[in-house]
Structure formats: C-alpha cells, structure tokens
Amino acid sequence: MNTAERFIGVAIMVFMIATSSVFGQTYLGLTIGSTVAGSSRSDVSAYGEPSRVFYGGRVVTTLRKGLELVGTFGLRQEEGGFTSRFARSTFPGGGGTLQVVENPISGPVVVSSLSTSALELSAALRIPMARFDSAGSYIGLQLGAMADYLSSADQVDDYTRILQGDRGQIPDRVSTSYASQVGGGAQVGGLLVLQTDLGRLSIEFAYLLRRPETLPVPAPRVGGPKEQYVGWLVGNGLRISAGLELKL
C-alpha cells in the first residue's frame, strides 16, 4: 500500500468520525467476507471454485430516522482459474512465414490460473426494516457504491497438456502480469445487526457489480485476444460477510 492509498483510507475514516459529532453515534469495527459467483461457468468450474476474500476496517455513523452510513476500507484477494480449448498455435516456419497448426476439437486443454489483489473502498446506507429488541438489533437493507484499485493481477497458462508439435514455440508455462486498474460499481443487499455484550455483530449479504470486467493483454499474440475477461473473478458476485462494531 503506497502513501496515496494510505492517505485515502485515513481521510475516509477521519471524515466519518468527524461527521459523527453532527449526526449521532459512531461505531468502529472490523469485517471479513467471502464472495461467491453469481453464475457458474463451465470453464471455471472445470478448474475448481475460486477463492475470494475481503477483510478490512469500517466506520458506522447513525443518521436521522434510524438510518446508518457505513464506510469500509480493506484488502480484497482473489484466486481462481479456468480451462480453455487449445484452438491453434502460430510459430515461425521456413522462409520467415507463419505456419498455423490446427488442434483437434477433442484435444487437450490449456489450464490457466489467475490471482489478484485490490484495495477496496465503499460507502453504503443502511436502512432498518424491522427491529426486534430494545437494544437496537434490526434487519435491514443496504445500498451503496464501491471503488477499487486493482494493484496486481497475475495469470499463468499451463500448456503441458498440449503436444510440443502443436504449440510450436510456446513454452510449458506462460506468465502474464496485467497493469493495475481502477474500477467501481454498486452493491445492494440485506443485513442483520445484533447487539451483544462485546458490541454490534453485523452479518451482511450483498450483491456486488463491478466494472470494467476486462483487463488489457500487455503483449497479445498474433491472432490472440487483446483483452482478458476477469468478471468471473474480480469484484462481481454475492458477498457474505460478518463484522464486529464497537461504539466510540
């Protein structure tokens, strides 16, 4: 995390704490969550379910009419992979020309792994729908927006299942590091807030929608894609999280 990123996170926290003197009570807390895919892709499921976790800190400020404003800043880490059918390989042939070797449709596949890290900042409005005790526990809705800084995205393509004669000069494994990216999106969901002796326990279910969903390929091969679709892994999906919030 560089100096600018630290400054943004601290500035958000300071702003939330400062506004608490105007609006009402303030809570500080920690949260951890995991995101599941909104839909299943056959090429992803063939590799295995991805791992997507988020952990960070948050500030919650009460507003008028029981509404709450929550700001969250943390780290998101995602790992997964997919398989793809090897269609063709291009490599230099005699006389400096390019020869194309077609692989059978039923041939082996390329196995790709992808890991990403991102700093995520979000702001959301909590709307209590039903309270069920005098301590302030409630069930409610949560609507908000998020922004992130995708600091790293690394992909490894494993070609060892492809015959050497079919893939030409492509090595056994090809590593690709994508450029960093700034993204944003929206979140909508529900939450349960329980008052305990330690503090407030929050359990949240939120659907996240992030854009953009692609990363530019830094050095695309001849005839290969210029963008890599990462929407199945980065940001999007249903996040289930839990947190503990302590009153200041």
Protein backbone atom coordinates (compact mmCIF):
# COMPACT_ATOMS: atom_id res chain seq x y z
CA MET A 1 0.00 0.00 0.00
CA ASN A 2 1.60 3.30 -1.08
CA THR A 3 1.37 6.70 0.63
CA ALA A 4 -1.54 7.92 -1.51
CA GLU A 5 -3.61 4.82 -0.77
CA ARG A 6 -2.96 5.14 2.97
CA PHE A 7 -3.97 8.80 2.84
CA ILE A 8 -7.28 8.00 1.13
CA GLY A 9 -8.15 5.35 3.70
CA VAL A 10 -7.25 7.58 6.65
CA ALA A 11 -9.14 10.53 5.14
CA ILE A 12 -12.33 8.48 4.82
CA MET A 13 -12.10 7.28 8.41
CA VAL A 14 -11.42 10.80 9.72
CA PHE A 15 -14.37 12.18 7.74
CA MET A 16 -16.73 9.55 9.10
CA ILE A 17 -15.61 10.17 12.68
CA ALA A 18 -15.93 13.93 12.24
CA THR A 19 -19.46 13.69 10.90
CA SER A 20 -20.49 11.60 13.90
CA SER A 21 -20.45 14.73 16.07
CA VAL A 22 -23.13 16.17 13.80
CA PHE A 23 -25.27 13.13 13.05
CA GLY A 24 -25.07 10.80 16.07
CA GLN A 25 -23.36 7.70 17.42
CA THR A 26 -20.26 6.24 15.83
CA TYR A 27 -19.01 2.66 15.70
CA LEU A 28 -15.60 1.38 14.67
CA GLY A 29 -15.17 -2.20 13.57
CA LEU A 30 -13.59 -4.94 11.53
CA THR A 31 -15.17 -7.07 8.83
CA ILE A 32 -14.27 -10.18 6.86
CA GLY A 33 -16.16 -11.67 3.95
CA SER A 34 -16.15 -14.13 1.09
CA THR A 35 -17.69 -13.72 -2.36
CA VAL A 36 -19.39 -16.44 -4.37
CA ALA A 37 -20.03 -16.24 -8.10
CA GLY A 38 -23.41 -15.07 -9.29
CA SER A 39 -23.43 -17.72 -12.02
CA SER A 40 -21.43 -20.85 -12.80
CA ARG A 41 -19.22 -21.06 -15.90
CA SER A 42 -18.24 -24.47 -17.20
CA ASP A 43 -14.66 -23.41 -17.95
CA VAL A 44 -14.27 -22.07 -14.39
CA SER A 45 -15.97 -24.98 -12.64
CA ALA A 46 -13.70 -27.38 -14.55
CA TYR A 47 -10.75 -25.76 -12.76
CA GLY A 48 -12.40 -25.53 -9.34
CA GLU A 49 -14.27 -22.93 -7.31
CA PRO A 50 -12.34 -19.65 -6.92
CA SER A 51 -11.32 -18.23 -3.55
CA ARG A 52 -12.35 -14.62 -2.96
CA VAL A 53 -11.90 -12.98 0.44
CA PHE A 54 -12.14 -9.44 1.79
CA TYR A 55 -11.04 -8.07 5.12
CA GLY A 56 -10.86 -4.50 6.37
CA GLY A 57 -11.99 -1.83 8.78
CA ARG A 58 -15.11 0.28 8.88
CA VAL A 59 -16.78 3.28 10.48
CA VAL A 60 -20.54 3.40 11.03
CA THR A 61 -22.37 6.65 11.80
CA THR A 62 -26.05 6.90 12.73
CA LEU A 63 -28.17 9.41 10.84
CA ARG A 64 -31.68 10.70 11.33
CA LYS A 65 -34.68 8.37 11.40
CA GLY A 66 -32.51 5.40 12.32
CA LEU A 67 -30.53 5.33 9.07
CA GLU A 68 -26.82 4.49 9.20
CA LEU A 69 -23.92 5.48 6.97
CA VAL A 70 -21.08 2.96 6.76
CA GLY A 71 -17.67 3.41 5.19
CA THR A 72 -15.41 0.40 4.63
CA PHE A 73 -11.79 0.23 3.52
CA GLY A 74 -9.89 -3.00 3.08
CA LEU A 75 -8.00 -5.56 1.03
CA ARG A 76 -9.55 -7.98 -1.45
CA GLN A 77 -7.70 -11.09 -2.61
CA GLU A 78 -8.96 -13.43 -5.30
CA GLU A 79 -7.60 -16.65 -6.75
CA GLY A 80 -9.11 -18.92 -9.35
CA GLY A 81 -8.66 -20.44 -12.75
CA PHE A 82 -10.27 -21.69 -15.92
CA THR A 83 -9.69 -24.13 -18.74
CA SER A 84 -9.79 -23.35 -22.45
CA ARG A 85 -9.69 -25.49 -25.57
CA PHE A 86 -6.43 -25.11 -27.46
CA ALA A 87 -7.52 -23.98 -30.93
CA ARG A 88 -4.29 -23.29 -32.75
CA SER A 89 -0.64 -22.36 -32.37
CA THR A 90 1.33 -19.92 -34.53
CA PHE A 91 5.10 -20.13 -34.80
CA PRO A 92 7.79 -19.05 -37.26
CA GLY A 93 8.17 -21.51 -40.17
CA GLY A 94 10.52 -21.84 -43.11
CA GLY A 95 11.29 -18.69 -45.01
CA GLY A 96 10.18 -16.42 -42.19
CA THR A 97 6.48 -17.15 -42.70
CA LEU A 98 3.91 -18.16 -40.07
CA GLN A 99 2.52 -21.67 -40.03
CA VAL A 100 -0.77 -22.42 -38.27
CA VAL A 101 -1.32 -25.83 -36.71
CA GLU A 102 -4.96 -26.64 -36.02
CA ASN A 103 -5.58 -28.74 -32.92
CA PRO A 104 -8.42 -31.30 -32.94
CA ILE A 105 -11.64 -30.12 -31.29
CA SER A 106 -11.42 -33.02 -28.86
CA GLY A 107 -7.83 -32.21 -27.99
CA PRO A 108 -6.41 -31.32 -24.57
CA VAL A 109 -6.98 -28.02 -22.83
CA VAL A 110 -4.90 -25.15 -21.51
CA VAL A 111 -5.22 -24.66 -17.74
CA SER A 112 -4.95 -21.05 -16.58
CA SER A 113 -4.68 -19.71 -13.03
CA LEU A 114 -5.35 -16.09 -12.06
CA SER A 115 -4.63 -14.29 -8.80
CA THR A 116 -5.47 -10.66 -8.00
CA SER A 117 -5.14 -8.18 -5.14
CA ALA A 118 -7.11 -4.96 -4.77
CA LEU A 119 -7.74 -2.16 -2.32
CA GLU A 120 -11.47 -1.57 -1.97
CA LEU A 121 -13.32 1.46 -0.62
CA SER A 122 -17.10 1.54 -0.23
CA ALA A 123 -19.82 3.73 1.24
CA ALA A 124 -23.31 2.41 1.92
CA LEU A 125 -26.58 3.44 3.50
CA ARG A 126 -28.21 1.03 5.94
CA ILE A 127 -32.00 1.16 6.12
CA PRO A 128 -33.54 -0.67 9.12
CA MET A 129 -36.71 -2.53 8.12
CA ALA A 130 -37.64 -4.31 11.35
CA ARG A 131 -36.33 -4.01 14.91
CA PHE A 132 -36.80 -6.93 17.27
CA ASP A 133 -35.41 -5.83 20.64
CA SER A 134 -34.97 -2.69 22.73
CA ALA A 135 -31.16 -2.81 22.40
CA GLY A 136 -31.30 -1.82 18.74
CA SER A 137 -30.94 -5.11 16.86
CA TYR A 138 -32.55 -5.00 13.43
CA ILE A 139 -32.92 -6.47 9.96
CA GLY A 140 -32.43 -4.04 7.11
CA LEU A 141 -31.40 -3.20 3.57
CA GLN A 142 -28.04 -1.87 2.45
CA LEU A 143 -27.42 0.21 -0.68
CA GLY A 144 -24.07 1.62 -1.68
CA ALA A 145 -21.24 2.21 -4.10
CA MET A 146 -17.68 0.95 -4.22
CA ALA A 147 -14.38 1.85 -5.85
CA ASP A 148 -11.26 -0.25 -6.02
CA TYR A 149 -7.66 -0.19 -7.10
CA LEU A 150 -6.61 -3.48 -8.67
CA SER A 151 -2.95 -3.38 -7.70
CA SER A 152 -1.92 -6.75 -9.14
CA ALA A 153 -3.29 -9.39 -11.49
CA ASP A 154 -1.09 -12.33 -12.47
CA GLN A 155 -2.03 -15.17 -14.81
CA VAL A 156 -0.19 -18.42 -15.55
CA ASP A 157 -1.20 -20.50 -18.58
CA ASP A 158 -0.16 -24.16 -18.41
CA TYR A 159 0.42 -25.70 -21.87
CA THR A 160 1.90 -29.00 -20.69
CA ARG A 161 -1.20 -30.89 -21.86
CA ILE A 162 -0.58 -29.69 -25.43
CA LEU A 163 1.82 -31.64 -27.66
CA GLN A 164 5.02 -29.76 -28.40
CA GLY A 165 4.46 -30.12 -32.12
CA ASP A 166 1.05 -28.48 -31.85
CA ARG A 167 2.07 -25.48 -29.76
CA GLY A 168 5.29 -24.68 -31.60
CA GLN A 169 7.48 -22.26 -29.65
CA ILE A 170 5.02 -21.73 -26.80
CA PRO A 171 6.77 -22.85 -23.58
CA ASP A 172 5.26 -25.16 -20.98
CA ARG A 173 4.02 -22.21 -18.93
CA VAL A 174 3.38 -18.60 -19.87
CA SER A 175 3.12 -15.92 -17.17
CA THR A 176 1.29 -12.64 -17.71
CA SER A 177 1.22 -9.65 -15.35
CA TYR A 178 -1.58 -7.21 -16.11
CA ALA A 179 -1.40 -3.49 -15.47
CA SER A 180 -3.11 -2.01 -12.42
CA GLN A 181 -6.66 -0.77 -12.87
CA VAL A 182 -9.17 1.49 -11.14
CA GLY A 183 -12.74 0.18 -11.05
CA GLY A 184 -16.06 0.90 -9.46
CA GLY A 185 -19.54 -0.42 -9.00
CA ALA A 186 -22.60 -0.81 -6.83
CA GLN A 187 -23.78 -3.06 -4.03
CA VAL A 188 -27.25 -3.97 -2.81
CA GLY A 189 -28.32 -6.46 -0.18
CA GLY A 190 -29.57 -7.12 3.29
CA LEU A 191 -28.06 -7.27 6.75
CA LEU A 192 -28.70 -8.40 10.29
CA VAL A 193 -27.37 -6.31 13.18
CA LEU A 194 -27.29 -7.90 16.64
CA GLN A 195 -26.43 -6.11 19.87
CA THR A 196 -24.11 -8.23 22.04
CA ASP A 197 -22.09 -7.71 25.21
CA LEU A 198 -18.96 -7.17 23.11
CA GLY A 199 -20.54 -4.81 20.60
CA ARG A 200 -22.68 -4.98 17.49
CA LEU A 201 -22.40 -8.08 15.34
CA SER A 202 -23.28 -7.43 11.68
CA ILE A 203 -24.00 -10.17 9.15
CA GLU A 204 -24.36 -8.97 5.57
CA PHE A 205 -25.45 -10.41 2.24
CA ALA A 206 -24.69 -8.06 -0.65
CA TYR A 207 -24.55 -8.48 -4.42
CA LEU A 208 -21.62 -6.61 -5.94
CA LEU A 209 -21.45 -5.39 -9.52
CA ARG A 210 -18.04 -4.11 -10.70
CA ARG A 211 -16.87 -2.53 -13.94
CA PRO A 212 -14.78 -2.85 -16.04
CA GLU A 213 -14.80 -6.62 -16.44
CA THR A 214 -11.75 -6.93 -18.69
CA LEU A 215 -8.01 -6.29 -18.48
CA PRO A 216 -5.89 -5.31 -21.50
CA VAL A 217 -3.47 -8.05 -22.52
CA PRO A 218 0.01 -6.45 -22.31
CA ALA A 219 1.52 -8.38 -25.26
CA PRO A 220 -1.19 -10.15 -27.29
CA ARG A 221 -0.09 -12.88 -29.68
CA VAL A 222 -0.84 -12.71 -33.37
CA GLY A 223 -4.50 -13.63 -33.74
CA GLY A 224 -4.98 -13.75 -29.96
CA PRO A 225 -7.37 -11.72 -27.78
CA LYS A 226 -6.43 -8.17 -26.81
CA GLU A 227 -8.45 -8.27 -23.58
CA GLN A 228 -8.84 -10.85 -20.85
CA TYR A 229 -12.29 -11.25 -19.28
CA VAL A 230 -11.97 -11.31 -15.46
CA GLY A 231 -15.54 -10.51 -14.44
CA TRP A 232 -15.99 -14.08 -13.21
CA LEU A 233 -13.34 -13.46 -10.53
CA VAL A 234 -12.76 -9.76 -9.86
CA GLY A 235 -15.33 -7.98 -7.71
CA ASN A 236 -18.63 -9.38 -9.00
CA GLY A 237 -20.79 -11.81 -7.05
CA LEU A 238 -22.62 -12.35 -3.78
CA ARG A 239 -20.52 -11.38 -0.76
CA ILE A 240 -21.31 -12.86 2.64
CA SER A 241 -19.53 -11.07 5.45
CA ALA A 242 -19.50 -10.67 9.21
CA GLY A 243 -18.15 -7.88 11.35
CA LEU A 244 -17.88 -6.59 14.89
CA GLU A 245 -18.61 -2.92 15.57
CA LEU A 246 -17.64 -1.16 18.82
CA LYS A 247 -19.26 2.06 19.99
CA LEU A 248 -16.95 5.04 20.50
